[in-house]
Amino acid sequence: MTFSMSPEEMKQLSNDLNQLFSAFSTVKTPAPPGIGVLGQPELSDAYEAFSQAAQTRVGEVGQWCNKTSEAVATARKQSEQTDGQWARSFRYDPERQHKFRS
């Protein structure tokens, strides 16, 4: 199995995830409209519980985007370092050439 990573694609993915994090950071659910507007008090209570849970989920998705963006950036940097290490390993060095005896 071969593992390959395009640094440009990973950088774009990280940037896209950062944009999503920013977008999710500004999402706010509307406050309940007030007593009696939705009819029964239970409906207002249910909306308030839903609104709070939705805000929590939106925050969690935003944090996931942020952490994933950081992980992608770290993986990209490590991949580039590994590529550099492999490139140095395979560089031609006439001083290290093996001589065969006849």
PDB file of N, CA and C in Angstrom:
ATOM      1  N   MET A   1       0.843  -1.178   0.000  1.00  0.00           N
ATOM      2  CA  MET A   1       0.000   0.000   0.000  1.00  0.00           C
ATOM      3  C   MET A   1       0.890   1.242   0.000  1.00  0.00           C
ATOM      4  N   THR A   2       0.545   2.194  -0.811  1.00  0.00           N
ATOM      5  CA  THR A   2       1.304   3.436  -0.912  1.00  0.00           C
ATOM      6  C   THR A   2       0.481   4.573  -0.331  1.00  0.00           C
ATOM      7  N   PHE A   3       1.136   5.404   0.433  1.00  0.00           N
ATOM      8  CA  PHE A   3       0.477   6.567   1.016  1.00  0.00           C
ATOM      9  C   PHE A   3       1.023   7.807   0.328  1.00  0.00           C
ATOM     10  N   SER A   4       0.123   8.617  -0.163  1.00  0.00           N
ATOM     11  CA  SER A   4       0.540   9.835  -0.849  1.00  0.00           C
ATOM     12  C   SER A   4      -0.362  10.974  -0.404  1.00  0.00           C
ATOM     13  N   MET A   5       0.223  12.143  -0.249  1.00  0.00           N
ATOM     14  CA  MET A   5      -0.547  13.296   0.192  1.00  0.00           C
ATOM     15  C   MET A   5      -0.131  14.507  -0.635  1.00  0.00           C
ATOM     16  N   SER A   6      -1.115  15.201  -1.163  1.00  0.00           N
ATOM     17  CA  SER A   6      -0.842  16.425  -1.898  1.00  0.00           C
ATOM     18  C   SER A   6      -0.847  17.594  -0.915  1.00  0.00           C
ATOM     19  N   PRO A   7       0.291  18.244  -0.702  1.00  0.00           N
ATOM     20  CA  PRO A   7       0.336  19.367   0.235  1.00  0.00           C
ATOM     21  C   PRO A   7      -0.645  20.483  -0.127  1.00  0.00           C
ATOM     22  N   GLU A   8      -0.827  20.723  -1.427  1.00  0.00           N
ATOM     23  CA  GLU A   8      -1.745  21.782  -1.849  1.00  0.00           C
ATOM     24  C   GLU A   8      -3.186  21.442  -1.467  1.00  0.00           C
ATOM     25  N   GLU A   9      -3.575  20.176  -1.696  1.00  0.00           N
ATOM     26  CA  GLU A   9      -4.934  19.761  -1.342  1.00  0.00           C
ATOM     27  C   GLU A   9      -5.144  19.806   0.169  1.00  0.00           C
ATOM     28  N   MET A  10      -4.145  19.399   0.928  1.00  0.00           N
ATOM     29  CA  MET A  10      -4.272  19.410   2.387  1.00  0.00           C
ATOM     30  C   MET A  10      -4.347  20.842   2.915  1.00  0.00           C
ATOM     31  N   LYS A  11      -3.586  21.739   2.297  1.00  0.00           N
ATOM     32  CA  LYS A  11      -3.643  23.142   2.711  1.00  0.00           C
ATOM     33  C   LYS A  11      -5.025  23.715   2.416  1.00  0.00           C
ATOM     34  N   GLN A  12      -5.586  23.380   1.248  1.00  0.00           N
ATOM     35  CA  GLN A  12      -6.922  23.851   0.891  1.00  0.00           C
ATOM     36  C   GLN A  12      -7.971  23.279   1.842  1.00  0.00           C
ATOM     37  N   LEU A  13      -7.852  21.995   2.171  1.00  0.00           N
ATOM     38  CA  LEU A  13      -8.783  21.367   3.109  1.00  0.00           C
ATOM     39  C   LEU A  13      -8.723  22.053   4.466  1.00  0.00           C
ATOM     40  N   SER A  14      -7.525  22.322   4.944  1.00  0.00           N
ATOM     41  CA  SER A  14      -7.356  23.004   6.221  1.00  0.00           C
ATOM     42  C   SER A  14      -7.991  24.391   6.190  1.00  0.00           C
ATOM     43  N   ASN A  15      -7.778  25.125   5.100  1.00  0.00           N
ATOM     44  CA  ASN A  15      -8.384  26.455   4.962  1.00  0.00           C
ATOM     45  C   ASN A  15      -9.903  26.376   4.931  1.00  0.00           C
ATOM     46  N   ASP A  16     -10.444  25.394   4.197  1.00  0.00           N
ATOM     47  CA  ASP A  16     -11.901  25.224   4.126  1.00  0.00           C
ATOM     48  C   ASP A  16     -12.485  24.905   5.502  1.00  0.00           C
ATOM     49  N   LEU A  17     -11.801  24.049   6.254  1.00  0.00           N
ATOM     50  CA  LEU A  17     -12.270  23.723   7.600  1.00  0.00           C
ATOM     51  C   LEU A  17     -12.213  24.944   8.515  1.00  0.00           C
ATOM     52  N   ASN A  18     -11.197  25.777   8.362  1.00  0.00           N
ATOM     53  CA  ASN A  18     -11.120  27.017   9.144  1.00  0.00           C
ATOM     54  C   ASN A  18     -12.280  27.945   8.820  1.00  0.00           C
ATOM     55  N   GLN A  19     -12.648  28.015   7.541  1.00  0.00           N
ATOM     56  CA  GLN A  19     -13.793  28.843   7.154  1.00  0.00           C
ATOM     57  C   GLN A  19     -15.085  28.305   7.757  1.00  0.00           C
ATOM     58  N   LEU A  20     -15.239  26.978   7.758  1.00  0.00           N
ATOM     59  CA  LEU A  20     -16.419  26.383   8.389  1.00  0.00           C
ATOM     60  C   LEU A  20     -16.447  26.684   9.882  1.00  0.00           C
ATOM     61  N   PHE A  21     -15.292  26.588  10.531  1.00  0.00           N
ATOM     62  CA  PHE A  21     -15.215  26.909  11.955  1.00  0.00           C
ATOM     63  C   PHE A  21     -15.679  28.345  12.197  1.00  0.00           C
ATOM     64  N   SER A  22     -15.207  29.267  11.375  1.00  0.00           N
ATOM     65  CA  SER A  22     -15.618  30.667  11.518  1.00  0.00           C
ATOM     66  C   SER A  22     -17.117  30.827  11.316  1.00  0.00           C
ATOM     67  N   ALA A  23     -17.654  30.128  10.314  1.00  0.00           N
ATOM     68  CA  ALA A  23     -19.091  30.216  10.039  1.00  0.00           C
ATOM     69  C   ALA A  23     -19.900  29.649  11.204  1.00  0.00           C
ATOM     70  N   PHE A  24     -19.490  28.503  11.733  1.00  0.00           N
ATOM     71  CA  PHE A  24     -20.229  27.903  12.845  1.00  0.00           C
ATOM     72  C   PHE A  24     -20.091  28.726  14.118  1.00  0.00           C
ATOM     73  N   SER A  25     -19.013  29.464  14.262  1.00  0.00           N
ATOM     74  CA  SER A  25     -18.802  30.276  15.459  1.00  0.00           C
ATOM     75  C   SER A  25     -19.805  31.412  15.570  1.00  0.00           C
ATOM     76  N   THR A  26     -20.380  31.814  14.453  1.00  0.00           N
ATOM     77  CA  THR A  26     -21.309  32.946  14.468  1.00  0.00           C
ATOM     78  C   THR A  26     -22.774  32.525  14.451  1.00  0.00           C
ATOM     79  N   VAL A  27     -23.053  31.220  14.383  1.00  0.00           N
ATOM     80  CA  VAL A  27     -24.442  30.744  14.326  1.00  0.00           C
ATOM     81  C   VAL A  27     -25.096  30.895  15.694  1.00  0.00           C
ATOM     82  N   LYS A  28     -26.247  31.506  15.712  1.00  0.00           N
ATOM     83  CA  LYS A  28     -27.042  31.643  16.936  1.00  0.00           C
ATOM     84  C   LYS A  28     -28.470  31.221  16.622  1.00  0.00           C
ATOM     85  N   THR A  29     -29.029  30.402  17.496  1.00  0.00           N
ATOM     86  CA  THR A  29     -30.427  30.017  17.300  1.00  0.00           C
ATOM     87  C   THR A  29     -31.322  31.130  17.838  1.00  0.00           C
ATOM     88  N   PRO A  30     -32.462  31.343  17.191  1.00  0.00           N
ATOM     89  CA  PRO A  30     -33.373  32.401  17.654  1.00  0.00           C
ATOM     90  C   PRO A  30     -33.898  32.104  19.059  1.00  0.00           C
ATOM     91  N   ALA A  31     -34.060  33.130  19.827  1.00  0.00           N
ATOM     92  CA  ALA A  31     -34.620  32.986  21.173  1.00  0.00           C
ATOM     93  C   ALA A  31     -36.104  32.647  21.060  1.00  0.00           C
ATOM     94  N   PRO A  32     -36.651  31.997  22.080  1.00  0.00           N
ATOM     95  CA  PRO A  32     -38.088  31.725  22.055  1.00  0.00           C
ATOM     96  C   PRO A  32     -38.867  33.036  21.917  1.00  0.00           C
ATOM     97  N   PRO A  33     -39.956  33.013  21.177  1.00  0.00           N
ATOM     98  CA  PRO A  33     -40.681  34.258  20.912  1.00  0.00           C
ATOM     99  C   PRO A  33     -41.406  34.839  22.116  1.00  0.00           C
ATOM    100  N   GLY A  34     -41.523  34.113  23.167  1.00  0.00           N
ATOM    101  CA  GLY A  34     -42.187  34.651  24.355  1.00  0.00           C
ATOM    102  C   GLY A  34     -43.373  33.796  24.773  1.00  0.00           C
ATOM    103  N   ILE A  35     -43.868  34.085  25.955  1.00  0.00           N
ATOM    104  CA  ILE A  35     -44.974  33.314  26.520  1.00  0.00           C
ATOM    105  C   ILE A  35     -46.235  33.535  25.696  1.00  0.00           C
ATOM    106  N   GLY A  36     -46.894  32.448  25.385  1.00  0.00           N
ATOM    107  CA  GLY A  36     -48.178  32.525  24.699  1.00  0.00           C
ATOM    108  C   GLY A  36     -48.095  32.609  23.190  1.00  0.00           C
ATOM    109  N   VAL A  37     -46.975  32.992  22.631  1.00  0.00           N
ATOM    110  CA  VAL A  37     -46.871  33.146  21.177  1.00  0.00           C
ATOM    111  C   VAL A  37     -46.970  31.793  20.484  1.00  0.00           C
ATOM    112  N   LEU A  38     -46.363  30.771  21.063  1.00  0.00           N
ATOM    113  CA  LEU A  38     -46.405  29.441  20.468  1.00  0.00           C
ATOM    114  C   LEU A  38     -47.608  28.630  20.953  1.00  0.00           C
ATOM    115  N   GLY A  39     -48.442  29.224  21.726  1.00  0.00           N
ATOM    116  CA  GLY A  39     -49.624  28.507  22.215  1.00  0.00           C
ATOM    117  C   GLY A  39     -49.381  27.984  23.613  1.00  0.00           C
ATOM    118  N   GLN A  40     -49.259  26.697  23.732  1.00  0.00           N
ATOM    119  CA  GLN A  40     -49.083  26.051  25.032  1.00  0.00           C
ATOM    120  C   GLN A  40     -47.697  26.341  25.612  1.00  0.00           C
ATOM    121  N   PRO A  41     -47.611  26.493  26.939  1.00  0.00           N
ATOM    122  CA  PRO A  41     -46.302  26.719  27.571  1.00  0.00           C
ATOM    123  C   PRO A  41     -45.325  25.571  27.311  1.00  0.00           C
ATOM    124  N   GLU A  42     -45.860  24.358  27.167  1.00  0.00           N
ATOM    125  CA  GLU A  42     -44.994  23.215  26.913  1.00  0.00           C
ATOM    126  C   GLU A  42     -44.247  23.362  25.586  1.00  0.00           C
ATOM    127  N   LEU A  43     -44.929  23.953  24.598  1.00  0.00           N
ATOM    128  CA  LEU A  43     -44.303  24.156  23.292  1.00  0.00           C
ATOM    129  C   LEU A  43     -43.157  25.161  23.395  1.00  0.00           C
ATOM    130  N   SER A  44     -43.363  26.217  24.166  1.00  0.00           N
ATOM    131  CA  SER A  44     -42.283  27.190  24.391  1.00  0.00           C
ATOM    132  C   SER A  44     -41.112  26.541  25.117  1.00  0.00           C
ATOM    133  N   ASP A  45     -41.426  25.702  26.126  1.00  0.00           N
ATOM    134  CA  ASP A  45     -40.367  24.994  26.858  1.00  0.00           C
ATOM    135  C   ASP A  45     -39.603  24.051  25.930  1.00  0.00           C
ATOM    136  N   ALA A  46     -40.336  23.347  25.074  1.00  0.00           N
ATOM    137  CA  ALA A  46     -39.704  22.416  24.133  1.00  0.00           C
ATOM    138  C   ALA A  46     -38.804  23.171  23.161  1.00  0.00           C
ATOM    139  N   TYR A  47     -39.276  24.337  22.680  1.00  0.00           N
ATOM    140  CA  TYR A  47     -38.446  25.118  21.758  1.00  0.00           C
ATOM    141  C   TYR A  47     -37.177  25.597  22.454  1.00  0.00           C
ATOM    142  N   GLU A  48     -37.306  26.020  23.694  1.00  0.00           N
ATOM    143  CA  GLU A  48     -36.130  26.501  24.425  1.00  0.00           C
ATOM    144  C   GLU A  48     -35.111  25.370  24.605  1.00  0.00           C
ATOM    145  N   ALA A  49     -35.582  24.170  24.953  1.00  0.00           N
ATOM    146  CA  ALA A  49     -34.682  23.022  25.100  1.00  0.00           C
ATOM    147  C   ALA A  49     -34.028  22.686  23.758  1.00  0.00           C
ATOM    148  N   PHE A  50     -34.827  22.715  22.684  1.00  0.00           N
ATOM    149  CA  PHE A  50     -34.287  22.445  21.348  1.00  0.00           C
ATOM    150  C   PHE A  50     -33.233  23.482  20.974  1.00  0.00           C
ATOM    151  N   SER A  51     -33.526  24.742  21.233  1.00  0.00           N
ATOM    152  CA  SER A  51     -32.619  25.837  20.886  1.00  0.00           C
ATOM    153  C   SER A  51     -31.283  25.696  21.614  1.00  0.00           C
ATOM    154  N   GLN A  52     -31.340  25.368  22.894  1.00  0.00           N
ATOM    155  CA  GLN A  52     -30.104  25.202  23.664  1.00  0.00           C
ATOM    156  C   GLN A  52     -29.296  24.004  23.160  1.00  0.00           C
ATOM    157  N   ALA A  53     -29.987  22.902  22.872  1.00  0.00           N
ATOM    158  CA  ALA A  53     -29.296  21.708  22.366  1.00  0.00           C
ATOM    159  C   ALA A  53     -28.697  21.981  20.988  1.00  0.00           C
ATOM    160  N   ALA A  54     -29.425  22.712  20.158  1.00  0.00           N
ATOM    161  CA  ALA A  54     -28.919  23.037  18.820  1.00  0.00           C
ATOM    162  C   ALA A  54     -27.665  23.895  18.923  1.00  0.00           C
ATOM    163  N   GLN A  55     -27.674  24.854  19.831  1.00  0.00           N
ATOM    164  CA  GLN A  55     -26.506  25.719  20.001  1.00  0.00           C
ATOM    165  C   GLN A  55     -25.297  24.900  20.456  1.00  0.00           C
ATOM    166  N   THR A  56     -25.534  23.932  21.328  1.00  0.00           N
ATOM    167  CA  THR A  56     -24.455  23.049  21.775  1.00  0.00           C
ATOM    168  C   THR A  56     -23.906  22.249  20.603  1.00  0.00           C
ATOM    169  N   ARG A  57     -24.800  21.673  19.782  1.00  0.00           N
ATOM    170  CA  ARG A  57     -24.356  20.867  18.638  1.00  0.00           C
ATOM    171  C   ARG A  57     -23.595  21.715  17.625  1.00  0.00           C
ATOM    172  N   VAL A  58     -24.062  22.926  17.382  1.00  0.00           N
ATOM    173  CA  VAL A  58     -23.369  23.820  16.444  1.00  0.00           C
ATOM    174  C   VAL A  58     -21.959  24.118  16.958  1.00  0.00           C
ATOM    175  N   GLY A  59     -21.835  24.359  18.251  1.00  0.00           N
ATOM    176  CA  GLY A  59     -20.515  24.602  18.839  1.00  0.00           C
ATOM    177  C   GLY A  59     -19.600  23.401  18.715  1.00  0.00           C
ATOM    178  N   GLU A  60     -20.167  22.206  18.917  1.00  0.00           N
ATOM    179  CA  GLU A  60     -19.367  20.986  18.802  1.00  0.00           C
ATOM    180  C   GLU A  60     -18.889  20.767  17.367  1.00  0.00           C
ATOM    181  N   VAL A  61     -19.753  21.028  16.396  1.00  0.00           N
ATOM    182  CA  VAL A  61     -19.354  20.888  14.987  1.00  0.00           C
ATOM    183  C   VAL A  61     -18.253  21.896  14.659  1.00  0.00           C
ATOM    184  N   GLY A  62     -18.396  23.116  15.151  1.00  0.00           N
ATOM    185  CA  GLY A  62     -17.363  24.129  14.931  1.00  0.00           C
ATOM    186  C   GLY A  62     -16.027  23.712  15.519  1.00  0.00           C
ATOM    187  N   GLN A  63     -16.051  23.169  16.741  1.00  0.00           N
ATOM    188  CA  GLN A  63     -14.812  22.705  17.373  1.00  0.00           C
ATOM    189  C   GLN A  63     -14.205  21.536  16.608  1.00  0.00           C
ATOM    190  N   TRP A  64     -15.064  20.647  16.090  1.00  0.00           N
ATOM    191  CA  TRP A  64     -14.566  19.528  15.288  1.00  0.00           C
ATOM    192  C   TRP A  64     -13.841  20.060  14.050  1.00  0.00           C
ATOM    193  N   CYS A  65     -14.436  21.043  13.384  1.00  0.00           N
ATOM    194  CA  CYS A  65     -13.800  21.638  12.196  1.00  0.00           C
ATOM    195  C   CYS A  65     -12.447  22.237  12.558  1.00  0.00           C
ATOM    196  N   ASN A  66     -12.387  22.927  13.686  1.00  0.00           N
ATOM    197  CA  ASN A  66     -11.146  23.559  14.115  1.00  0.00           C
ATOM    198  C   ASN A  66     -10.065  22.515  14.419  1.00  0.00           C
ATOM    199  N   LYS A  67     -10.422  21.488  15.184  1.00  0.00           N
ATOM    200  CA  LYS A  67      -9.444  20.455  15.540  1.00  0.00           C
ATOM    201  C   LYS A  67      -9.010  19.657  14.315  1.00  0.00           C
ATOM    202  N   THR A  68      -9.949  19.384  13.415  1.00  0.00           N
ATOM    203  CA  THR A  68      -9.608  18.637  12.207  1.00  0.00           C
ATOM    204  C   THR A  68      -8.687  19.459  11.314  1.00  0.00           C
ATOM    205  N   SER A  69      -8.935  20.761  11.224  1.00  0.00           N
ATOM    206  CA  SER A  69      -8.065  21.642  10.449  1.00  0.00           C
ATOM    207  C   SER A  69      -6.641  21.611  11.000  1.00  0.00           C
ATOM    208  N   GLU A  70      -6.513  21.660  12.320  1.00  0.00           N
ATOM    209  CA  GLU A  70      -5.187  21.598  12.940  1.00  0.00           C
ATOM    210  C   GLU A  70      -4.513  20.254  12.658  1.00  0.00           C
ATOM    211  N   ALA A  71      -5.286  19.171  12.727  1.00  0.00           N
ATOM    212  CA  ALA A  71      -4.728  17.835  12.472  1.00  0.00           C
ATOM    213  C   ALA A  71      -4.269  17.700  11.021  1.00  0.00           C
ATOM    214  N   VAL A  72      -5.050  18.244  10.095  1.00  0.00           N
ATOM    215  CA  VAL A  72      -4.681  18.192   8.672  1.00  0.00           C
ATOM    216  C   VAL A  72      -3.391  18.984   8.448  1.00  0.00           C
ATOM    217  N   ALA A  73      -3.297  20.156   9.064  1.00  0.00           N
ATOM    218  CA  ALA A  73      -2.089  20.977   8.911  1.00  0.00           C
ATOM    219  C   ALA A  73      -0.866  20.253   9.477  1.00  0.00           C
ATOM    220  N   THR A  74      -1.021  19.607  10.621  1.00  0.00           N
ATOM    221  CA  THR A  74       0.083  18.854  11.223  1.00  0.00           C
ATOM    222  C   THR A  74       0.493  17.687  10.333  1.00  0.00           C
ATOM    223  N   ALA A  75      -0.493  16.953   9.823  1.00  0.00           N
ATOM    224  CA  ALA A  75      -0.200  15.812   8.937  1.00  0.00           C
ATOM    225  C   ALA A  75       0.520  16.278   7.675  1.00  0.00           C
ATOM    226  N   ARG A  76       0.090  17.422   7.129  1.00  0.00           N
ATOM    227  CA  ARG A  76       0.736  17.959   5.921  1.00  0.00           C
ATOM    228  C   ARG A  76       2.198  18.284   6.202  1.00  0.00           C
ATOM    229  N   LYS A  77       2.466  18.945   7.317  1.00  0.00           N
ATOM    230  CA  LYS A  77       3.843  19.305   7.661  1.00  0.00           C
ATOM    231  C   LYS A  77       4.703  18.058   7.874  1.00  0.00           C
ATOM    232  N   GLN A  78       4.144  17.067   8.567  1.00  0.00           N
ATOM    233  CA  GLN A  78       4.895  15.832   8.800  1.00  0.00           C
ATOM    234  C   GLN A  78       5.161  15.104   7.490  1.00  0.00           C
ATOM    235  N   SER A  79       4.188  15.118   6.589  1.00  0.00           N
ATOM    236  CA  SER A  79       4.360  14.472   5.286  1.00  0.00           C
ATOM    237  C   SER A  79       5.473  15.151   4.495  1.00  0.00           C
ATOM    238  N   GLU A  80       5.492  16.480   4.519  1.00  0.00           N
ATOM    239  CA  GLU A  80       6.539  17.209   3.801  1.00  0.00           C
ATOM    240  C   GLU A  80       7.915  16.909   4.399  1.00  0.00           C
ATOM    241  N   GLN A  81       7.995  16.811   5.731  1.00  0.00           N
ATOM    242  CA  GLN A  81       9.273  16.490   6.374  1.00  0.00           C
ATOM    243  C   GLN A  81       9.729  15.085   5.996  1.00  0.00           C
ATOM    244  N   THR A  82       8.789  14.148   5.994  1.00  0.00           N
ATOM    245  CA  THR A  82       9.116  12.767   5.628  1.00  0.00           C
ATOM    246  C   THR A  82       9.571  12.689   4.180  1.00  0.00           C
ATOM    247  N   ASP A  83       8.881  13.410   3.290  1.00  0.00           N
ATOM    248  CA  ASP A  83       9.299  13.437   1.888  1.00  0.00           C
ATOM    249  C   ASP A  83      10.729  13.953   1.766  1.00  0.00           C
ATOM    250  N   GLY A  84      11.048  14.987   2.531  1.00  0.00           N
ATOM    251  CA  GLY A  84      12.403  15.534   2.502  1.00  0.00           C
ATOM    252  C   GLY A  84      13.433  14.541   3.013  1.00  0.00           C
ATOM    253  N   GLN A  85      13.075  13.803   4.058  1.00  0.00           N
ATOM    254  CA  GLN A  85      13.994  12.797   4.598  1.00  0.00           C
ATOM    255  C   GLN A  85      14.241  11.684   3.585  1.00  0.00           C
ATOM    256  N   TRP A  86      13.183  11.227   2.931  1.00  0.00           N
ATOM    257  CA  TRP A  86      13.343  10.190   1.907  1.00  0.00           C
ATOM    258  C   TRP A  86      14.177  10.714   0.738  1.00  0.00           C
ATOM    259  N   ALA A  87      13.944  11.954   0.346  1.00  0.00           N
ATOM    260  CA  ALA A  87      14.703  12.522  -0.771  1.00  0.00           C
ATOM    261  C   ALA A  87      16.195  12.556  -0.435  1.00  0.00           C
ATOM    262  N   ARG A  88      16.529  12.929   0.799  1.00  0.00           N
ATOM    263  CA  ARG A  88      17.942  12.951   1.201  1.00  0.00           C
ATOM    264  C   ARG A  88      18.527  11.538   1.233  1.00  0.00           C
ATOM    265  N   SER A  89      17.719  10.562   1.594  1.00  0.00           N
ATOM    266  CA  SER A  89      18.197   9.174   1.661  1.00  0.00           C
ATOM    267  C   SER A  89      18.553   8.619   0.296  1.00  0.00           C
ATOM    268  N   PHE A  90      17.831   9.047  -0.722  1.00  0.00           N
ATOM    269  CA  PHE A  90      18.025   8.492  -2.053  1.00  0.00           C
ATOM    270  C   PHE A  90      18.887   9.364  -2.960  1.00  0.00           C
ATOM    271  N   ARG A  91      19.477  10.408  -2.422  1.00  0.00           N
ATOM    272  CA  ARG A  91      20.350  11.261  -3.210  1.00  0.00           C
ATOM    273  C   ARG A  91      21.618  10.504  -3.586  1.00  0.00           C
ATOM    274  N   TYR A  92      22.056  10.701  -4.786  1.00  0.00           N
ATOM    275  CA  TYR A  92      23.266  10.037  -5.277  1.00  0.00           C
ATOM    276  C   TYR A  92      24.488  10.635  -4.595  1.00  0.00           C
ATOM    277  N   ASP A  93      25.293   9.780  -4.045  1.00  0.00           N
ATOM    278  CA  ASP A  93      26.522  10.211  -3.391  1.00  0.00           C
ATOM    279  C   ASP A  93      27.655   9.309  -3.883  1.00  0.00           C
ATOM    280  N   PRO A  94      28.521   9.821  -4.784  1.00  0.00           N
ATOM    281  CA  PRO A  94      29.583   8.982  -5.338  1.00  0.00           C
ATOM    282  C   PRO A  94      30.552   8.473  -4.270  1.00  0.00           C
ATOM    283  N   GLU A  95      30.682   9.166  -3.161  1.00  0.00           N
ATOM    284  CA  GLU A  95      31.584   8.736  -2.093  1.00  0.00           C
ATOM    285  C   GLU A  95      31.074   7.469  -1.411  1.00  0.00           C
ATOM    286  N   ARG A  96      29.791   7.250  -1.456  1.00  0.00           N
ATOM    287  CA  ARG A  96      29.204   6.100  -0.774  1.00  0.00           C
ATOM    288  C   ARG A  96      28.934   4.945  -1.728  1.00  0.00           C
ATOM    289  N   GLN A  97      29.399   5.060  -2.940  1.00  0.00           N
ATOM    290  CA  GLN A  97      29.161   4.015  -3.934  1.00  0.00           C
ATOM    291  C   GLN A  97      29.907   2.746  -3.540  1.00  0.00           C
ATOM    292  N   HIS A  98      29.236   1.622  -3.677  1.00  0.00           N
ATOM    293  CA  HIS A  98      29.876   0.341  -3.367  1.00  0.00           C
ATOM    294  C   HIS A  98      30.725  -0.096  -4.552  1.00  0.00           C
ATOM    295  N   LYS A  99      31.913  -0.545  -4.263  1.00  0.00           N
ATOM    296  CA  LYS A  99      32.816  -1.050  -5.305  1.00  0.00           C
ATOM    297  C   LYS A  99      32.747  -2.576  -5.281  1.00  0.00           C
ATOM    298  N   PHE A 100      32.575  -3.142  -6.443  1.00  0.00           N
ATOM    299  CA  PHE A 100      32.548  -4.596  -6.552  1.00  0.00           C
ATOM    300  C   PHE A 100      33.958  -5.088  -6.892  1.00  0.00           C
ATOM    301  N   ARG A 101      34.341  -6.149  -6.241  1.00  0.00           N
ATOM    302  CA  ARG A 101      35.659  -6.738  -6.523  1.00  0.00           C
ATOM    303  C   ARG A 101      35.499  -7.762  -7.634  1.00  0.00           C
ATOM    304  N   SER A 102      36.503  -7.818  -8.490  1.00  0.00           N
ATOM    305  CA  SER A 102      36.444  -8.809  -9.569  1.00  0.00           C
ATOM    306  C   SER A 102      37.313  -9.993  -9.270  1.00  0.00           C
TER     307      SER A 102
END
